[in-house]
């Protein structure tokens, strides 16, 4: 349903800072080839800022090429921020849509599917707050996000890349114990 040139997401339990959307516009103006931008987020626990950020080392650049080269498990590469920190051009969303049906962490599709189409932009500056609570999947959750990525999302993602003429980049899950 989005109609703007850029689309930003927010989880219902997180908070955007007032200058977030201005930041997103400025970043894409400086990096028009970026297929995804993510910024850091401050951790908010029980309504109190903890003074820490969600991500220590953020993924940026041509992640697909990096994975094609290293074939390492994604957990050993720089990380992506949670959904509330993600922004994508509408044109990229149209290329990767619709998201396949998964029970949890469908937002991983928004993070990993665009990577085959171009570079990632990142900012260590927090432009939102991530609320930590007992049912978080990203932060301390019980979901194995890598099993989800390899088991449920990789097959439709690779089919999408094949249709688009893009070489797959996700490492083969059989390489990992």
N, C-alpha and C. Protein backbone atom coordinates (compact mmCIF):
# COMPACT_ATOMS: atom_id res chain seq x y z
N UNK A 1 0.81 -1.21 0.00
CA UNK A 1 0.00 0.00 0.00
C UNK A 1 0.85 1.27 0.00
N UNK A 2 2.14 1.12 0.26
CA UNK A 2 3.02 2.30 0.31
C UNK A 2 3.08 2.98 -1.06
N UNK A 3 3.18 4.30 -1.04
CA UNK A 3 3.26 5.06 -2.29
C UNK A 3 4.47 5.98 -2.35
N UNK A 4 5.14 6.18 -1.23
CA UNK A 4 6.32 7.05 -1.21
C UNK A 4 7.51 6.37 -1.83
N UNK A 5 8.52 7.13 -2.18
CA UNK A 5 9.72 6.58 -2.80
C UNK A 5 10.53 5.73 -1.82
N UNK A 6 10.41 6.03 -0.53
CA UNK A 6 11.12 5.29 0.51
C UNK A 6 10.11 4.76 1.52
N UNK A 7 10.37 3.57 2.04
CA UNK A 7 9.47 2.96 3.01
C UNK A 7 10.28 2.60 4.25
N UNK A 8 9.82 3.06 5.41
CA UNK A 8 10.44 2.74 6.69
C UNK A 8 9.44 1.95 7.51
N UNK A 9 9.96 1.10 8.36
CA UNK A 9 9.11 0.21 9.15
C UNK A 9 9.23 0.54 10.63
N UNK A 10 8.19 0.16 11.38
CA UNK A 10 8.25 0.30 12.83
C UNK A 10 7.45 -0.84 13.46
N UNK A 11 8.09 -1.53 14.38
CA UNK A 11 7.38 -2.54 15.17
C UNK A 11 6.53 -1.80 16.19
N UNK A 12 5.41 -2.40 16.56
CA UNK A 12 4.45 -1.73 17.43
C UNK A 12 5.00 -1.42 18.82
N UNK A 13 6.05 -2.10 19.23
CA UNK A 13 6.58 -1.86 20.57
C UNK A 13 7.85 -0.99 20.58
N UNK A 14 8.24 -0.45 19.44
CA UNK A 14 9.44 0.38 19.36
C UNK A 14 9.06 1.85 19.19
N UNK A 15 10.08 2.73 19.21
CA UNK A 15 9.85 4.17 19.14
C UNK A 15 10.82 4.79 18.13
N UNK A 16 10.29 5.57 17.19
CA UNK A 16 11.14 6.35 16.28
C UNK A 16 11.49 7.66 16.97
N UNK A 17 12.70 8.16 16.71
CA UNK A 17 13.07 9.50 17.17
C UNK A 17 12.56 10.52 16.14
N UNK A 18 12.33 11.75 16.57
CA UNK A 18 11.72 12.74 15.66
C UNK A 18 12.44 12.97 14.33
N UNK A 19 13.76 12.82 14.29
CA UNK A 19 14.51 13.10 13.06
C UNK A 19 14.78 11.86 12.23
N UNK A 20 14.17 10.74 12.54
CA UNK A 20 14.45 9.48 11.82
C UNK A 20 14.18 9.60 10.33
N UNK A 21 13.01 10.05 9.94
CA UNK A 21 12.65 10.09 8.53
C UNK A 21 13.52 11.09 7.75
N UNK A 22 13.88 12.20 8.37
CA UNK A 22 14.80 13.14 7.73
C UNK A 22 16.15 12.45 7.50
N UNK A 23 16.62 11.70 8.49
CA UNK A 23 17.87 10.94 8.37
C UNK A 23 17.80 9.97 7.19
N UNK A 24 16.71 9.23 7.09
CA UNK A 24 16.54 8.26 6.01
C UNK A 24 16.58 8.95 4.64
N UNK A 25 15.86 10.03 4.50
CA UNK A 25 15.88 10.78 3.23
C UNK A 25 17.29 11.24 2.87
N UNK A 26 18.02 11.78 3.85
CA UNK A 26 19.38 12.27 3.60
C UNK A 26 20.32 11.14 3.20
N UNK A 27 20.20 10.00 3.86
CA UNK A 27 21.07 8.87 3.56
C UNK A 27 20.84 8.38 2.14
N UNK A 28 19.58 8.21 1.73
CA UNK A 28 19.30 7.73 0.38
C UNK A 28 19.67 8.78 -0.68
N UNK A 29 19.60 10.06 -0.34
CA UNK A 29 20.04 11.10 -1.27
C UNK A 29 21.56 10.99 -1.50
N UNK A 30 22.29 10.65 -0.46
CA UNK A 30 23.74 10.49 -0.57
C UNK A 30 24.14 9.13 -1.16
N UNK A 31 23.28 8.13 -1.03
CA UNK A 31 23.56 6.76 -1.48
C UNK A 31 22.41 6.24 -2.34
N UNK A 32 22.20 6.80 -3.52
CA UNK A 32 21.03 6.42 -4.33
C UNK A 32 21.05 4.96 -4.79
N UNK A 33 22.20 4.30 -4.78
CA UNK A 33 22.26 2.89 -5.19
C UNK A 33 21.91 1.93 -4.06
N UNK A 34 21.80 2.45 -2.83
CA UNK A 34 21.51 1.59 -1.68
C UNK A 34 20.14 0.93 -1.82
N UNK A 35 20.07 -0.37 -1.53
CA UNK A 35 18.80 -1.10 -1.58
C UNK A 35 18.19 -1.24 -0.20
N UNK A 36 18.96 -0.86 0.81
CA UNK A 36 18.50 -0.96 2.19
C UNK A 36 19.36 -0.02 3.02
N UNK A 37 18.74 0.68 3.93
CA UNK A 37 19.48 1.44 4.93
C UNK A 37 18.99 0.98 6.29
N UNK A 38 19.94 0.81 7.19
CA UNK A 38 19.55 0.55 8.58
C UNK A 38 20.43 1.41 9.49
N UNK A 39 19.83 1.85 10.57
CA UNK A 39 20.54 2.66 11.56
C UNK A 39 20.50 1.91 12.88
N UNK A 40 21.30 2.34 13.81
CA UNK A 40 21.30 1.67 15.09
C UNK A 40 20.09 2.09 15.91
N UNK A 41 19.90 1.40 17.02
CA UNK A 41 18.78 1.68 17.91
C UNK A 41 19.28 1.63 19.35
N UNK A 42 18.75 2.51 20.18
CA UNK A 42 19.05 2.46 21.61
C UNK A 42 18.18 1.39 22.26
N UNK A 43 18.69 0.76 23.28
CA UNK A 43 17.90 -0.25 24.01
C UNK A 43 17.11 0.45 25.11
N UNK A 44 15.83 0.16 25.12
CA UNK A 44 14.90 0.70 26.09
C UNK A 44 14.33 -0.48 26.89
N UNK A 45 14.65 -0.56 28.17
CA UNK A 45 14.19 -1.67 29.00
C UNK A 45 13.32 -1.10 30.14
N UNK A 46 12.10 -1.59 30.23
CA UNK A 46 11.16 -1.10 31.24
C UNK A 46 11.01 0.42 31.19
N UNK A 47 11.00 0.97 29.98
CA UNK A 47 10.80 2.40 29.80
C UNK A 47 12.03 3.25 30.06
N UNK A 48 13.17 2.62 30.31
CA UNK A 48 14.39 3.36 30.65
C UNK A 48 15.46 3.07 29.60
N UNK A 49 16.09 4.13 29.09
CA UNK A 49 17.21 3.96 28.17
C UNK A 49 18.38 3.36 28.93
N UNK A 50 18.95 2.28 28.41
CA UNK A 50 20.03 1.58 29.10
C UNK A 50 21.40 2.18 28.81
N UNK A 51 21.50 3.06 27.81
CA UNK A 51 22.79 3.62 27.45
C UNK A 51 23.56 2.74 26.47
N UNK A 52 22.92 1.68 25.99
CA UNK A 52 23.57 0.79 25.03
C UNK A 52 22.76 0.76 23.73
N UNK A 53 23.44 0.35 22.67
CA UNK A 53 22.80 0.22 21.37
C UNK A 53 22.60 -1.25 21.04
N UNK A 54 21.72 -1.53 20.10
CA UNK A 54 21.39 -2.90 19.72
C UNK A 54 22.53 -3.58 18.97
N UNK A 55 23.19 -2.85 18.05
CA UNK A 55 24.19 -3.47 17.17
C UNK A 55 25.56 -2.86 17.40
N UNK A 56 26.60 -3.71 17.55
CA UNK A 56 27.98 -3.22 17.75
C UNK A 56 28.67 -2.95 16.41
N UNK A 57 28.47 -3.85 15.45
CA UNK A 57 29.14 -3.73 14.16
C UNK A 57 28.07 -3.96 13.09
N UNK A 58 27.78 -2.93 12.33
CA UNK A 58 26.65 -2.99 11.40
C UNK A 58 27.08 -3.40 10.00
N UNK A 59 26.25 -4.23 9.38
CA UNK A 59 26.49 -4.68 8.01
C UNK A 59 26.32 -3.50 7.06
N UNK A 60 27.26 -3.35 6.14
CA UNK A 60 27.12 -2.32 5.12
C UNK A 60 27.95 -2.70 3.90
N UNK A 61 27.64 -2.09 2.77
CA UNK A 61 28.34 -2.38 1.54
C UNK A 61 27.68 -3.52 0.78
N UNK A 62 28.46 -4.20 -0.03
CA UNK A 62 27.95 -5.29 -0.86
C UNK A 62 28.02 -6.60 -0.08
N UNK A 63 27.01 -6.84 0.72
CA UNK A 63 26.97 -8.03 1.59
C UNK A 63 26.89 -9.31 0.75
N UNK A 64 26.13 -9.28 -0.33
CA UNK A 64 26.00 -10.47 -1.18
C UNK A 64 27.38 -10.89 -1.71
N UNK A 65 28.17 -9.95 -2.18
CA UNK A 65 29.51 -10.27 -2.69
C UNK A 65 30.39 -10.81 -1.57
N UNK A 66 30.25 -10.24 -0.39
CA UNK A 66 31.04 -10.71 0.75
C UNK A 66 30.71 -12.17 1.06
N UNK A 67 29.42 -12.52 1.05
CA UNK A 67 29.04 -13.90 1.33
C UNK A 67 29.46 -14.84 0.22
N UNK A 68 29.39 -14.38 -1.01
CA UNK A 68 29.85 -15.23 -2.11
C UNK A 68 31.33 -15.55 -1.95
N UNK A 69 32.10 -14.57 -1.47
CA UNK A 69 33.55 -14.75 -1.29
C UNK A 69 33.88 -15.61 -0.08
N UNK A 70 33.28 -15.32 1.06
CA UNK A 70 33.69 -15.96 2.31
C UNK A 70 32.99 -17.28 2.58
N UNK A 71 31.74 -17.41 2.14
CA UNK A 71 30.91 -18.58 2.41
C UNK A 71 30.83 -18.89 3.92
N UNK A 72 31.01 -17.86 4.74
CA UNK A 72 30.95 -18.08 6.18
C UNK A 72 29.49 -18.02 6.65
N UNK A 73 29.27 -18.51 7.83
CA UNK A 73 27.94 -18.45 8.43
C UNK A 73 27.60 -16.97 8.66
N UNK A 74 26.37 -16.55 8.37
CA UNK A 74 26.01 -15.14 8.53
C UNK A 74 26.24 -14.59 9.93
N UNK A 75 26.22 -15.44 10.95
CA UNK A 75 26.41 -14.93 12.30
C UNK A 75 27.82 -14.37 12.51
N UNK A 76 28.75 -14.68 11.60
CA UNK A 76 30.11 -14.18 11.72
C UNK A 76 30.34 -12.89 10.93
N UNK A 77 29.34 -12.41 10.26
CA UNK A 77 29.43 -11.14 9.54
C UNK A 77 28.81 -10.04 10.38
N UNK A 78 29.07 -8.78 10.06
CA UNK A 78 28.40 -7.69 10.77
C UNK A 78 26.89 -7.88 10.74
N UNK A 79 26.22 -7.33 11.73
CA UNK A 79 24.79 -7.57 11.90
C UNK A 79 23.92 -6.47 11.30
N UNK A 80 22.65 -6.83 11.18
CA UNK A 80 21.63 -5.88 10.76
C UNK A 80 20.81 -5.48 11.98
N UNK A 81 20.32 -4.25 11.95
CA UNK A 81 19.44 -3.77 13.02
C UNK A 81 18.04 -4.36 12.83
N UNK A 82 17.23 -4.35 13.88
CA UNK A 82 15.86 -4.86 13.79
C UNK A 82 14.98 -4.04 12.83
N UNK A 83 13.80 -4.53 12.60
CA UNK A 83 12.87 -3.98 11.61
C UNK A 83 12.65 -2.48 11.72
N UNK A 84 12.51 -1.96 12.91
CA UNK A 84 12.23 -0.54 13.11
C UNK A 84 13.34 0.33 12.54
N UNK A 85 14.52 -0.23 12.33
CA UNK A 85 15.65 0.53 11.80
C UNK A 85 15.80 0.37 10.29
N UNK A 86 14.94 -0.42 9.65
CA UNK A 86 15.06 -0.69 8.22
C UNK A 86 14.28 0.31 7.38
N UNK A 87 14.90 0.73 6.28
CA UNK A 87 14.22 1.55 5.27
C UNK A 87 14.67 1.05 3.91
N UNK A 88 13.73 0.96 2.97
CA UNK A 88 14.03 0.49 1.62
C UNK A 88 13.34 1.38 0.60
N UNK A 89 13.96 1.52 -0.57
CA UNK A 89 13.24 2.19 -1.65
C UNK A 89 12.02 1.35 -2.06
N UNK A 90 10.93 2.01 -2.40
CA UNK A 90 9.73 1.30 -2.82
C UNK A 90 10.01 0.39 -4.01
N UNK A 91 10.89 0.83 -4.92
CA UNK A 91 11.22 0.01 -6.09
C UNK A 91 11.85 -1.32 -5.68
N UNK A 92 12.64 -1.32 -4.63
CA UNK A 92 13.24 -2.57 -4.13
C UNK A 92 12.16 -3.44 -3.49
N UNK A 93 11.29 -2.84 -2.71
CA UNK A 93 10.19 -3.61 -2.10
C UNK A 93 9.35 -4.31 -3.16
N UNK A 94 9.13 -3.63 -4.25
CA UNK A 94 8.35 -4.26 -5.34
C UNK A 94 9.10 -5.43 -5.95
N UNK A 95 10.43 -5.36 -6.01
CA UNK A 95 11.22 -6.47 -6.55
C UNK A 95 11.19 -7.69 -5.64
N UNK A 96 11.16 -7.47 -4.32
CA UNK A 96 11.27 -8.60 -3.39
C UNK A 96 9.91 -9.09 -2.89
N UNK A 97 8.85 -8.38 -3.18
CA UNK A 97 7.53 -8.76 -2.67
C UNK A 97 6.87 -9.82 -3.51
N UNK A 98 5.92 -10.50 -2.95
CA UNK A 98 5.51 -10.47 -1.55
C UNK A 98 6.40 -11.38 -0.70
N UNK A 99 6.39 -11.12 0.58
CA UNK A 99 7.14 -11.94 1.53
C UNK A 99 6.47 -13.30 1.65
N UNK A 100 7.26 -14.39 1.65
CA UNK A 100 6.64 -15.70 1.86
C UNK A 100 6.08 -15.80 3.27
N UNK A 101 5.12 -16.66 3.45
CA UNK A 101 4.50 -16.82 4.77
C UNK A 101 5.42 -17.59 5.69
N UNK A 102 5.78 -16.97 6.82
CA UNK A 102 6.53 -17.63 7.88
C UNK A 102 5.87 -17.27 9.19
N UNK A 103 6.00 -18.15 10.16
CA UNK A 103 5.31 -17.96 11.43
C UNK A 103 5.90 -16.81 12.25
N UNK A 104 7.23 -16.71 12.30
CA UNK A 104 7.89 -15.64 13.05
C UNK A 104 8.99 -15.04 12.18
N UNK A 105 9.38 -13.84 12.49
CA UNK A 105 10.51 -13.16 11.85
C UNK A 105 10.36 -12.97 10.34
N UNK A 106 9.16 -12.68 9.89
CA UNK A 106 8.97 -12.39 8.46
C UNK A 106 9.81 -11.18 8.06
N UNK A 107 10.15 -10.34 9.03
CA UNK A 107 10.96 -9.17 8.73
C UNK A 107 12.36 -9.53 8.25
N UNK A 108 12.80 -10.77 8.48
CA UNK A 108 14.10 -11.19 7.95
C UNK A 108 14.09 -11.15 6.42
N UNK A 109 12.93 -11.34 5.82
CA UNK A 109 12.82 -11.24 4.37
C UNK A 109 13.18 -9.82 3.93
N UNK A 110 12.69 -8.82 4.67
CA UNK A 110 12.99 -7.43 4.36
C UNK A 110 14.48 -7.12 4.49
N UNK A 111 15.16 -7.85 5.35
CA UNK A 111 16.59 -7.63 5.56
C UNK A 111 17.44 -8.34 4.53
N UNK A 112 17.16 -9.62 4.25
CA UNK A 112 18.06 -10.43 3.43
C UNK A 112 17.70 -10.47 1.94
N UNK A 113 16.44 -10.36 1.59
CA UNK A 113 16.06 -10.43 0.18
C UNK A 113 16.62 -9.28 -0.66
N UNK A 114 16.71 -8.05 -0.15
CA UNK A 114 17.24 -6.96 -0.99
C UNK A 114 18.73 -7.08 -1.31
N UNK A 115 19.47 -7.85 -0.54
CA UNK A 115 20.93 -7.84 -0.63
C UNK A 115 21.46 -8.24 -2.00
N UNK A 116 20.72 -9.03 -2.74
CA UNK A 116 21.16 -9.42 -4.07
C UNK A 116 21.03 -8.30 -5.09
N UNK A 117 20.32 -7.23 -4.75
CA UNK A 117 20.04 -6.16 -5.70
C UNK A 117 20.97 -4.95 -5.56
N UNK A 118 21.83 -4.94 -4.54
CA UNK A 118 22.73 -3.79 -4.40
C UNK A 118 23.28 -3.65 -3.00
N UNK A 119 23.96 -2.52 -2.75
CA UNK A 119 24.64 -2.33 -1.48
C UNK A 119 23.71 -1.87 -0.35
N UNK A 120 24.23 -2.05 0.85
CA UNK A 120 23.54 -1.67 2.08
C UNK A 120 24.22 -0.43 2.66
N UNK A 121 23.42 0.49 3.13
CA UNK A 121 23.91 1.67 3.83
C UNK A 121 23.60 1.49 5.31
N UNK A 122 24.50 1.95 6.17
CA UNK A 122 24.29 1.80 7.61
C UNK A 122 24.76 3.03 8.36
N UNK A 123 24.16 3.25 9.50
CA UNK A 123 24.54 4.35 10.37
C UNK A 123 24.55 3.85 11.80
N UNK A 124 25.66 4.07 12.50
CA UNK A 124 25.74 3.69 13.91
C UNK A 124 24.91 4.60 14.80
N UNK A 125 24.48 5.73 14.28
CA UNK A 125 23.68 6.68 15.05
C UNK A 125 22.29 6.09 15.28
N UNK A 126 21.83 6.14 16.51
CA UNK A 126 20.49 5.62 16.84
C UNK A 126 19.42 6.62 16.41
N UNK A 127 18.45 6.12 15.67
CA UNK A 127 17.32 6.95 15.24
C UNK A 127 16.00 6.37 15.73
N UNK A 128 16.10 5.42 16.68
CA UNK A 128 14.91 4.80 17.26
C UNK A 128 15.33 4.07 18.54
N UNK A 129 14.33 3.66 19.29
CA UNK A 129 14.59 2.88 20.51
C UNK A 129 13.92 1.52 20.37
N UNK A 130 14.65 0.49 20.77
CA UNK A 130 14.18 -0.90 20.72
C UNK A 130 13.75 -1.29 22.12
N UNK A 131 12.48 -1.61 22.27
CA UNK A 131 11.96 -1.99 23.59
C UNK A 131 12.26 -3.46 23.85
N UNK A 132 13.00 -3.72 24.89
CA UNK A 132 13.32 -5.09 25.28
C UNK A 132 12.28 -5.57 26.28
N UNK A 133 11.71 -6.75 25.98
CA UNK A 133 10.72 -7.36 26.85
C UNK A 133 10.81 -8.87 26.68
N UNK A 134 10.01 -9.61 27.39
CA UNK A 134 10.10 -11.07 27.41
C UNK A 134 9.80 -11.78 26.10
N UNK A 135 9.14 -11.14 25.15
CA UNK A 135 8.79 -11.86 23.92
C UNK A 135 9.51 -11.34 22.68
N UNK A 136 10.67 -10.68 22.85
CA UNK A 136 11.46 -10.25 21.70
C UNK A 136 12.03 -11.46 20.96
N UNK A 137 11.96 -11.43 19.64
CA UNK A 137 12.62 -12.47 18.84
C UNK A 137 14.04 -12.07 18.50
N UNK A 138 14.26 -10.79 18.28
CA UNK A 138 15.58 -10.32 17.83
C UNK A 138 16.59 -10.34 18.98
N UNK A 139 16.20 -9.82 20.11
CA UNK A 139 17.12 -9.59 21.21
C UNK A 139 16.82 -10.57 22.34
N UNK A 140 17.61 -11.64 22.40
CA UNK A 140 17.41 -12.61 23.46
C UNK A 140 16.23 -13.52 23.26
N UNK A 141 15.71 -13.59 22.05
CA UNK A 141 14.55 -14.43 21.78
C UNK A 141 14.93 -15.90 21.67
N UNK A 142 13.91 -16.74 21.64
CA UNK A 142 14.15 -18.18 21.57
C UNK A 142 14.19 -18.70 20.14
N UNK A 143 13.95 -17.84 19.17
CA UNK A 143 13.94 -18.26 17.77
C UNK A 143 15.37 -18.32 17.24
N UNK A 144 15.72 -19.42 16.59
CA UNK A 144 17.02 -19.50 15.93
C UNK A 144 16.86 -18.86 14.55
N UNK A 145 17.27 -17.60 14.44
CA UNK A 145 17.02 -16.86 13.21
C UNK A 145 17.76 -17.46 12.02
N UNK A 146 18.90 -18.11 12.26
CA UNK A 146 19.67 -18.69 11.15
C UNK A 146 18.98 -19.94 10.62
N UNK A 147 18.40 -20.74 11.50
CA UNK A 147 17.61 -21.89 11.03
C UNK A 147 16.43 -21.40 10.19
N UNK A 148 15.81 -20.32 10.65
CA UNK A 148 14.69 -19.74 9.91
C UNK A 148 15.15 -19.24 8.54
N UNK A 149 16.28 -18.53 8.52
CA UNK A 149 16.78 -18.01 7.25
C UNK A 149 17.08 -19.14 6.28
N UNK A 150 17.86 -20.13 6.73
CA UNK A 150 18.26 -21.21 5.83
C UNK A 150 17.10 -22.16 5.51
N UNK A 151 16.27 -22.45 6.50
CA UNK A 151 15.23 -23.45 6.32
C UNK A 151 13.99 -22.95 5.59
N UNK A 152 13.54 -21.75 5.94
CA UNK A 152 12.28 -21.28 5.38
C UNK A 152 12.43 -20.18 4.34
N UNK A 153 13.37 -19.27 4.53
CA UNK A 153 13.46 -18.12 3.64
C UNK A 153 14.42 -18.31 2.47
N UNK A 154 15.46 -19.10 2.64
CA UNK A 154 16.45 -19.27 1.56
C UNK A 154 15.83 -19.85 0.29
N UNK A 155 15.02 -20.91 0.36
CA UNK A 155 14.48 -21.45 -0.90
C UNK A 155 13.67 -20.43 -1.73
N UNK A 156 12.69 -19.72 -1.14
CA UNK A 156 11.97 -18.74 -1.97
C UNK A 156 12.86 -17.56 -2.38
N UNK A 157 13.85 -17.21 -1.54
CA UNK A 157 14.74 -16.13 -1.89
C UNK A 157 15.61 -16.51 -3.10
N UNK A 158 16.13 -17.72 -3.09
CA UNK A 158 16.95 -18.16 -4.21
C UNK A 158 16.12 -18.29 -5.48
N UNK A 159 14.86 -18.70 -5.37
CA UNK A 159 13.98 -18.77 -6.54
C UNK A 159 13.74 -17.36 -7.09
N UNK A 160 13.57 -16.38 -6.20
CA UNK A 160 13.38 -14.99 -6.62
C UNK A 160 14.63 -14.50 -7.36
N UNK A 161 15.81 -14.80 -6.82
CA UNK A 161 17.05 -14.37 -7.48
C UNK A 161 17.20 -15.04 -8.84
N UNK A 162 16.84 -16.30 -8.92
CA UNK A 162 16.95 -17.00 -10.20
C UNK A 162 16.06 -16.33 -11.24
N UNK A 163 14.82 -15.98 -10.86
CA UNK A 163 13.91 -15.30 -11.79
C UNK A 163 14.47 -13.94 -12.21
N UNK A 164 15.21 -13.27 -11.29
CA UNK A 164 15.76 -11.95 -11.58
C UNK A 164 17.14 -12.02 -12.24
N UNK A 165 17.67 -13.23 -12.42
CA UNK A 165 18.98 -13.39 -13.04
C UNK A 165 20.13 -13.01 -12.13
N UNK A 166 19.94 -13.14 -10.82
CA UNK A 166 20.96 -12.78 -9.83
C UNK A 166 21.57 -14.06 -9.25
N UNK A 167 22.89 -14.10 -9.17
CA UNK A 167 23.55 -15.26 -8.56
C UNK A 167 23.17 -15.33 -7.09
N UNK A 168 22.85 -16.53 -6.59
CA UNK A 168 22.53 -16.65 -5.16
C UNK A 168 23.76 -16.29 -4.32
N UNK A 169 23.53 -15.84 -3.11
CA UNK A 169 24.64 -15.44 -2.26
C UNK A 169 24.61 -16.07 -0.89
N UNK A 170 23.47 -16.60 -0.47
CA UNK A 170 23.42 -17.20 0.86
C UNK A 170 24.32 -18.42 0.89
N UNK A 171 25.14 -18.56 1.95
CA UNK A 171 25.96 -19.77 2.04
C UNK A 171 25.08 -21.00 2.15
N UNK A 172 25.59 -22.12 1.69
CA UNK A 172 24.87 -23.39 1.76
C UNK A 172 24.82 -23.84 3.21
N UNK A 173 23.62 -24.01 3.74
CA UNK A 173 23.48 -24.37 5.16
C UNK A 173 24.12 -25.71 5.49
N UNK A 174 24.36 -26.54 4.49
CA UNK A 174 24.99 -27.84 4.75
C UNK A 174 26.47 -27.67 5.12
N UNK A 175 27.02 -26.48 4.92
CA UNK A 175 28.41 -26.22 5.30
C UNK A 175 28.57 -26.06 6.81
N UNK A 176 27.45 -25.84 7.50
CA UNK A 176 27.52 -25.52 8.92
C UNK A 176 26.98 -26.67 9.76
N UNK A 177 27.65 -26.93 10.88
CA UNK A 177 27.14 -28.00 11.78
C UNK A 177 25.85 -27.60 12.45
